[in-house]
Protein backbone atom coordinates (compact mmCIF):
# COMPACT_ATOMS: atom_id res chain seq x y z
CA MET A 1 131.50 6.85 109.93
CA SER A 2 128.93 9.26 110.29
CA GLY A 3 129.52 12.09 113.33
CA GLU A 4 127.32 14.70 113.49
CA VAL A 5 126.05 16.60 110.66
CA ALA A 6 124.84 20.43 110.93
CA VAL A 7 122.55 21.52 108.10
CA ILE A 8 123.07 25.69 107.40
CA TYR A 9 119.32 26.68 106.98
CA SER A 10 117.15 29.76 107.82
CA ASP A 11 113.79 30.41 106.54
CA ALA A 12 115.15 34.08 105.76
CA TYR A 13 116.79 32.11 102.77
CA ARG A 14 113.57 32.65 100.77
CA GLY A 15 114.44 36.32 100.53
CA TYR A 16 116.34 35.02 97.73
CA GLU A 17 113.42 34.94 95.36
CA LEU A 18 114.95 36.35 92.56
CA SER A 19 111.02 36.69 91.24
CA PRO A 20 107.83 34.92 91.63
CA TRP A 21 108.14 33.55 87.61
CA HIS A 22 111.35 32.25 87.83
CA PRO A 23 112.74 28.88 87.91
CA MET A 24 114.86 28.51 90.86
CA LYS A 25 111.91 28.64 93.81
CA PRO A 26 112.69 29.09 97.26
CA VAL A 27 109.71 26.54 98.18
CA ARG A 28 112.43 24.32 97.15
CA LEU A 29 114.63 25.13 100.56
CA LEU A 30 111.57 25.43 103.24
CA LEU A 31 110.31 21.92 101.71
CA THR A 32 113.77 19.98 101.71
CA ALA A 33 113.91 21.36 105.74
CA GLU A 34 110.61 20.50 106.41
CA LEU A 35 111.32 16.55 104.90
CA ILE A 36 114.63 16.15 106.91
CA ARG A 37 112.41 17.13 109.96
CA ALA A 38 109.80 14.80 109.20
CA TYR A 39 112.25 11.94 108.81
CA GLY A 40 113.27 12.85 112.37
CA LEU A 41 116.52 13.14 111.45
CA GLU A 42 117.11 16.18 114.48
CA ASP A 43 116.65 13.13 116.52
CA GLN A 44 119.98 11.27 114.73
CA GLY A 45 122.70 13.20 114.92
CA VAL A 46 121.44 15.86 112.39
CA ARG A 47 121.18 19.49 113.78
CA PHE A 48 120.06 23.27 112.51
CA LEU A 49 122.42 26.04 112.56
CA GLU A 50 121.36 29.64 111.61
CA PRO A 51 123.56 31.15 108.62
CA ARG A 52 124.78 34.60 109.30
CA PRO A 53 125.52 37.43 106.79
CA ALA A 54 129.11 37.21 105.06
CA THR A 55 130.58 40.36 105.60
CA ASP A 56 131.66 43.02 102.72
CA ALA A 57 135.35 41.97 103.71
CA GLU A 58 134.77 38.15 103.16
CA LEU A 59 132.83 39.06 100.00
CA ALA A 60 135.82 40.95 98.75
CA LEU A 61 137.84 37.38 99.13
CA VAL A 62 135.61 36.06 95.97
CA HIS A 63 133.90 39.35 94.58
CA ASP A 64 135.09 42.95 93.81
CA PRO A 65 133.67 45.66 96.10
CA ALA A 66 132.62 47.42 93.33
CA TYR A 67 130.09 44.93 92.16
CA VAL A 68 129.45 44.25 95.62
CA ASP A 69 128.38 48.42 96.43
CA LYS A 70 126.57 48.11 93.00
CA VAL A 71 124.27 44.96 94.30
CA ARG A 72 123.82 47.10 97.40
CA GLU A 73 122.70 49.53 95.42
CA LEU A 74 120.28 47.66 93.20
CA SER A 75 119.00 46.51 95.97
CA ALA A 76 117.03 49.49 97.12
CA PRO A 77 113.21 49.76 96.33
CA GLY A 78 112.91 51.31 92.67
CA ALA A 79 116.00 50.22 91.22
CA ARG A 80 115.96 49.84 87.78
CA ASP A 81 116.88 46.84 85.84
CA ALA A 82 119.06 49.21 83.47
CA GLU A 83 121.14 49.77 86.14
CA GLY A 84 122.75 46.64 86.35
CA MET A 85 122.88 45.14 82.95
CA GLY A 86 126.72 45.70 82.84
CA TRP A 87 127.25 43.62 85.94
CA GLY A 88 125.16 40.61 85.06
CA LEU A 89 122.14 42.10 87.02
CA GLY A 90 118.74 42.74 85.69
CA THR A 91 118.73 39.94 83.41
CA GLY A 92 116.33 36.83 82.66
CA ASP A 93 118.27 34.84 84.67
CA ASN A 94 119.15 37.62 87.44
CA PRO A 95 116.68 40.11 87.82
CA ILE A 96 117.28 42.62 90.62
CA PHE A 97 114.40 42.30 93.60
CA GLU A 98 114.37 44.21 96.85
CA ARG A 99 117.27 43.27 99.72
CA MET A 100 119.01 41.55 97.18
CA HIS A 101 122.51 42.10 98.77
CA GLU A 102 121.17 40.95 102.44
CA ALA A 103 119.45 37.83 101.32
CA SER A 104 122.77 37.30 99.06
CA ALA A 105 125.18 37.92 101.48
CA LEU A 106 123.10 35.70 104.23
CA ILE A 107 123.43 32.69 101.82
CA ALA A 108 127.39 33.16 101.26
CA GLY A 109 127.59 33.56 105.19
CA GLY A 110 125.72 30.17 105.29
CA ALA A 111 128.70 28.64 103.40
CA LEU A 112 131.11 30.79 105.78
CA ALA A 113 129.10 29.52 108.87
CA ALA A 114 129.13 25.81 107.40
CA ALA A 115 132.98 26.08 107.17
CA GLU A 116 133.51 26.92 110.46
CA ALA A 117 131.73 24.67 112.42
CA ILE A 118 133.72 21.88 110.04
CA MET A 119 136.96 23.49 111.33
CA SER A 120 136.14 24.28 114.67
CA GLY A 121 135.00 20.76 115.53
CA LYS A 122 131.94 20.76 116.08
CA VAL A 123 130.86 18.60 113.23
CA GLN A 124 132.33 16.72 110.97
CA HIS A 125 129.90 17.20 107.93
CA ALA A 126 127.80 20.33 106.76
CA PHE A 127 125.31 20.83 104.32
CA HIS A 128 124.46 24.24 103.16
CA PHE A 129 121.59 23.32 100.59
CA GLY A 130 120.63 26.65 100.33
CA GLY A 131 124.09 27.55 98.50
CA GLY A 132 126.09 25.77 95.71
CA LEU A 133 125.60 29.27 93.40
CA HIS A 134 128.30 28.49 91.50
CA HIS A 135 128.17 30.59 88.53
CA ALA A 136 128.88 33.91 89.98
CA HIS A 137 132.25 35.71 88.64
CA ARG A 138 134.12 38.18 90.13
CA ALA A 139 132.00 41.55 89.02
CA ARG A 140 129.20 39.63 87.47
CA ALA A 141 126.22 37.92 88.37
CA ALA A 142 125.21 35.22 85.91
CA GLY A 143 123.28 31.47 86.15
CA PHE A 144 120.84 32.65 88.95
CA CYS A 145 123.97 33.50 91.63
CA ILE A 146 124.50 36.80 92.79
CA TYR A 147 127.19 35.83 95.29
CA ASN A 148 129.64 32.36 94.93
CA ASP A 149 129.09 31.13 98.49
CA VAL A 150 130.87 27.80 97.52
CA ALA A 151 133.94 29.84 96.18
CA LEU A 152 134.14 32.13 98.93
CA ALA A 153 133.84 29.34 101.48
CA ALA A 154 136.86 27.52 99.60
CA ALA A 155 139.10 30.77 99.55
CA TRP A 156 138.30 31.32 103.34
CA LEU A 157 139.44 27.75 104.18
CA GLU A 158 142.70 28.68 101.89
CA ARG A 159 143.62 31.95 103.86
CA GLU A 160 142.20 31.25 107.65
CA HIS A 161 143.55 27.51 107.80
CA GLY A 162 146.08 26.64 104.98
CA ALA A 163 143.72 24.32 103.73
CA ARG A 164 144.51 22.07 100.71
CA VAL A 165 140.55 22.17 99.05
CA LEU A 166 138.96 19.55 96.78
CA TYR A 167 135.94 21.11 95.07
CA LEU A 168 133.70 18.70 93.57
CA ASP A 169 130.68 20.22 91.35
CA PHE A 170 127.95 17.46 90.28
CA ASP A 171 125.24 20.37 88.83
CA ALA A 172 124.23 19.51 85.86
CA HIS A 173 125.81 23.24 84.71
CA HIS A 174 129.55 23.77 84.47
CA GLY A 175 130.82 25.24 87.86
CA ASP A 176 132.53 28.31 85.91
CA GLY A 177 132.50 30.67 88.49
CA VAL A 178 134.47 28.88 90.87
CA GLN A 179 136.98 26.97 88.29
CA GLU A 180 137.55 30.70 87.28
CA ARG A 181 138.44 31.81 90.81
CA PHE A 182 140.97 29.31 91.49
CA TYR A 183 142.38 28.60 87.83
CA ASP A 184 145.83 29.09 88.60
CA ASP A 185 145.61 27.87 92.11
CA PRO A 186 147.02 24.75 93.14
CA ARG A 187 145.96 24.45 96.37
CA VAL A 188 142.08 24.28 95.15
CA MET A 189 141.74 21.81 92.84
CA THR A 190 137.86 21.93 90.93
CA VAL A 191 136.34 19.38 89.30
CA SER A 192 133.08 19.58 87.47
CA PHE A 193 130.68 16.86 86.42
CA HIS A 194 128.33 18.46 83.98
CA GLU A 195 125.83 18.45 80.52
CA SER A 196 128.33 19.62 78.03
CA GLY A 197 128.67 22.96 77.47
CA ARG A 198 127.74 21.96 73.36
CA HIS A 199 123.92 21.72 74.84
CA LEU A 200 123.81 23.80 78.12
CA PHE A 201 124.75 26.92 80.01
CA PRO A 202 127.33 28.19 80.29
CA GLY A 203 128.85 26.34 77.25
CA SER A 204 132.17 25.72 79.15
CA GLY A 205 134.09 22.93 80.95
CA PHE A 206 136.18 20.79 78.72
CA PRO A 207 138.61 18.28 79.36
CA GLY A 208 141.26 20.87 77.96
CA GLN A 209 140.25 23.36 80.37
CA ALA A 210 142.75 22.25 82.98
CA GLY A 211 144.46 25.37 85.12
CA GLU A 212 147.12 27.70 84.22
CA GLY A 213 150.55 28.48 85.40
CA GLU A 214 150.82 26.76 88.77
CA GLY A 215 147.59 25.70 88.91
CA LYS A 216 148.00 23.57 85.59
CA GLY A 217 146.37 20.11 86.07
CA TYR A 218 144.14 21.15 88.99
CA ALA A 219 141.39 22.05 87.30
CA VAL A 220 139.41 19.02 85.86
CA ASN A 221 135.91 18.88 83.52
CA LEU A 222 133.77 16.12 82.77
CA PRO A 223 131.29 17.29 80.51
CA LEU A 224 128.13 14.52 79.65
CA GLU A 225 126.08 14.11 76.92
CA PRO A 226 122.31 14.20 77.35
CA GLY A 227 120.95 10.69 78.39
CA THR A 228 123.50 10.26 81.41
CA THR A 229 122.48 7.64 83.75
CA ASP A 230 123.16 6.81 87.25
CA GLU A 231 125.37 3.83 86.32
CA ILE A 232 127.13 6.23 83.88
CA PHE A 233 127.60 8.94 85.88
CA LEU A 234 128.83 6.87 88.76
CA GLU A 235 131.39 4.74 86.86
CA ALA A 236 132.95 8.07 85.64
CA TYR A 237 132.94 9.15 89.57
CA ASP A 238 134.87 5.91 90.12
CA ARG A 239 137.09 6.26 87.65
CA LEU A 240 138.16 9.71 88.64
CA VAL A 241 137.50 11.24 91.69
CA PRO A 242 139.13 8.91 94.33
CA PRO A 243 142.46 8.89 92.43
CA LEU A 244 142.71 12.57 91.83
CA ALA A 245 141.58 12.98 95.81
CA ARG A 246 144.15 10.38 97.01
CA ALA A 247 146.72 12.33 94.84
CA PHE A 248 145.64 15.99 95.90
CA ALA A 249 145.15 15.14 99.44
CA PRO A 250 143.16 17.39 100.48
CA ASP A 251 142.26 18.91 103.68
CA VAL A 252 138.61 19.58 103.01
CA ILE A 253 136.39 18.67 100.76
CA VAL A 254 133.71 21.67 99.68
CA THR A 255 131.02 20.03 97.04
CA GLN A 256 128.35 21.44 95.25
CA ASN A 257 125.43 18.95 94.72
CA GLY A 258 122.69 20.52 92.27
CA CYS A 259 120.20 17.92 91.57
CA ASP A 260 119.61 19.06 88.06
CA ALA A 261 120.71 16.12 86.46
CA HIS A 262 117.95 14.96 87.63
CA TRP A 263 115.95 12.69 84.17
CA GLU A 264 112.98 15.19 85.55
CA ASP A 265 114.44 18.62 85.16
CA PRO A 266 112.91 20.76 83.33
CA LEU A 267 116.13 22.78 82.20
CA THR A 268 118.60 19.65 81.74
CA HIS A 269 118.93 16.44 79.84
CA LEU A 270 121.14 13.98 82.04
CA ALA A 271 118.80 11.43 83.28
CA LEU A 272 120.34 10.54 87.05
CA THR A 273 117.68 9.45 89.97
CA VAL A 274 117.12 9.86 93.74
CA SER A 275 118.75 6.60 94.01
CA GLY A 276 121.55 7.65 91.42
CA PHE A 277 122.05 11.44 94.13
CA ARG A 278 121.67 9.16 97.45
CA GLU A 279 124.47 6.57 96.20
CA LEU A 280 126.80 9.68 94.76
CA ALA A 281 126.16 11.26 98.19
CA ARG A 282 127.44 7.67 99.79
CA ARG A 283 130.26 7.67 97.54
CA GLN A 284 131.58 11.16 98.82
CA HIS A 285 130.56 10.37 102.27
CA ARG A 286 133.56 7.30 102.09
CA LEU A 287 135.51 9.82 99.93
CA ALA A 288 135.68 12.92 102.79
CA HIS A 289 136.64 9.78 105.42
CA GLU A 290 139.31 8.29 103.62
CA VAL A 291 141.55 11.55 102.43
CA CYS A 292 140.49 14.65 105.05
CA GLY A 293 139.35 13.44 108.41
CA GLY A 294 135.62 13.42 107.59
CA ARG A 295 135.86 17.07 106.82
CA TRP A 296 133.21 17.69 104.39
CA LEU A 297 130.95 20.62 103.32
CA ALA A 298 128.48 20.20 101.22
CA THR A 299 125.98 22.57 99.05
CA GLY A 300 123.11 22.29 96.87
CA GLY A 301 122.85 23.85 93.94
CA GLY A 302 120.42 23.77 90.78
CA GLY A 303 117.48 21.75 90.93
CA TYR A 304 114.32 22.98 89.52
CA GLN A 305 111.74 20.35 89.94
CA ALA A 306 111.03 22.23 93.55
CA PHE A 307 108.61 19.90 94.54
CA SER A 308 109.03 16.10 93.55
CA VAL A 309 112.61 16.50 93.15
CA VAL A 310 114.82 18.89 94.99
CA PRO A 311 113.22 17.92 98.68
CA ARG A 312 113.55 14.05 98.01
CA ALA A 313 117.18 14.08 96.43
CA TRP A 314 119.01 16.85 99.20
CA THR A 315 116.95 14.82 102.21
CA ALA A 316 118.31 11.78 100.88
CA HIS A 317 122.14 13.27 100.45
CA THR A 318 121.28 14.46 104.28
CA ALA A 319 120.77 11.18 105.37
CA ALA A 320 123.90 9.78 103.70
CA MET A 321 125.91 12.46 105.36
CA ALA A 322 124.83 11.15 108.55
CA GLY A 323 124.96 7.37 107.70
CA ILE A 324 121.33 7.01 108.28
CA GLU A 325 118.93 4.46 105.94
CA LEU A 326 115.47 6.65 105.44
CA GLU A 327 112.20 4.64 105.28
CA ASP A 328 111.41 4.85 101.64
CA ARG A 329 107.89 5.88 102.00
CA LEU A 330 107.55 9.37 102.70
CA PRO A 331 106.04 11.22 105.85
CA GLU A 332 102.29 11.75 105.36
CA SER A 333 102.62 15.00 107.13
CA TRP A 334 104.96 16.36 104.48
CA ARG A 335 102.95 14.78 101.39
CA ARG A 336 100.21 17.12 102.84
CA LEU A 337 102.53 20.15 102.98
CA CYS A 338 103.90 19.41 99.54
CA ALA A 339 100.43 19.04 97.98
CA GLU A 340 99.09 21.94 99.66
CA ARG A 341 102.39 23.80 98.35
CA SER A 342 102.37 22.64 95.02
CA GLY A 343 98.45 22.24 94.23
CA VAL A 344 98.92 18.29 93.03
CA GLU A 345 99.36 15.29 94.74
CA ALA A 346 103.08 14.66 96.10
CA PRO A 347 105.43 11.94 95.56
CA ARG A 348 104.72 8.63 97.61
CA CYS A 349 108.41 7.36 97.99
CA LEU A 350 111.77 8.61 98.44
CA ALA A 351 113.41 6.82 95.85
CA SER A 352 111.58 3.50 94.69
CA ASP A 353 109.21 5.42 92.34
CA ASP A 354 111.66 7.26 90.84
CA ARG A 355 112.33 5.68 87.18
CA PRO A 356 112.91 7.32 84.33
CA PRO A 357 111.59 6.46 81.01
CA GLU A 358 112.96 4.17 78.79
CA LEU A 359 115.84 6.14 76.72
CA ASP A 360 116.80 5.46 72.93
CA ARG A 361 119.79 2.74 72.55
CA ALA A 362 121.58 5.65 70.97
CA VAL A 363 120.98 8.01 73.28
CA LEU A 364 122.69 5.53 76.07
CA ASP A 365 125.49 4.52 73.44
CA ARG A 366 126.29 7.94 73.13
CA ALA A 367 125.98 8.99 76.32
CA ARG A 368 128.49 6.19 77.50
CA GLU A 369 131.19 6.81 74.94
CA ALA A 370 131.40 10.72 75.67
CA ALA A 371 131.66 9.27 79.27
CA ALA A 372 134.13 7.18 78.75
CA ALA A 373 136.12 9.11 76.20
CA GLY A 374 136.04 12.23 78.64
CA VAL A 375 137.60 10.09 81.48
CA ALA A 376 140.45 8.45 78.96
CA GLU A 377 141.56 12.30 78.38
CA ILE A 378 141.33 13.26 81.68
CA GLU A 379 143.47 10.49 83.03
CA ARG A 380 145.97 10.99 80.18
CA ASN A 381 146.41 14.71 80.23
CA VAL A 382 145.58 15.52 83.44
CA PHE A 383 146.62 12.93 86.02
CA PRO A 384 150.12 13.05 85.22
CA LEU A 385 150.09 16.39 86.07
CA VAL A 386 148.78 15.76 89.81
CA GLY A 387 150.77 12.70 90.13
CA ALA A 388 147.23 10.95 90.09
CA GLY A 389 146.92 7.21 89.12
């Protein structure tokens, strides 16, 4: 059930630096790539592939050409923040920066390179951990995202291959930009597990948001309460995702695997661990082989503990895609690199030393009850629309 895995990555991705003080730090991508290499995964069926920039015509599958023109205009030296405000650019979340279009188009094209590798049969699985920029809208940047690479990959798969696409989003933030693009489209089912919009940006993603027109029932949202643990998250996954996938019968699965649901993330309030992310990846792996011949395009996304969490979570994800068991002890060469970059001691283990503090019983009960209620509402109101269950 393993098969060859492609990792789409370029050091040029570090050009997507929104600002030196921004919470989304490009160093997290470098450290992920280097940990994958330090574990020797390239000798075990994982190969690195270079991305290529998305063209304007490709970006138009998701974005208004006038918006792309504005991003390019604001990429020039000396551009002013005020010129982009109407487009979601020049804000605290999405400050403008030089060569913004080039950096963003390369990440968008990375998702297309992953899709091309899968649909050509070169690989079964591809991981584009530099992507997952799921908040970008048709004509507006949002939530650290300028071009929406995951929506672009899904739209390209649908147009070029007539594919039915199951999109699974496990970022702590609702995958609003992707949902918006396909809200009336029954050929792309979007499923998002995220911290409730009552607590967290972007303030959307409730079970009642289930699609419209022909797409009614093909948008699925499970909002989660602060303190949601691995156990609660995975139980909800088991209740919802396999039945929906079997009913939908996709040709390919696209996933957004942000790791900002981690208990240590500074921007969110969930309580997952690296072990939880690894187990979630294993479940996705099994599902892809069950329902769509193993065709699985995974992306990264959020994750703001750039040194101690993101590289471990996404390396564990890569290994799960390849069906490889990793030594728990992290390679010393990588630990030295991480310490040099962070200025603090690097973690020693991949997962065994990643334990959240004990949560208050009332917090756990509330998280468990909210997840169960959300699952029940989806089973009751959405499952019948798509023939699931």
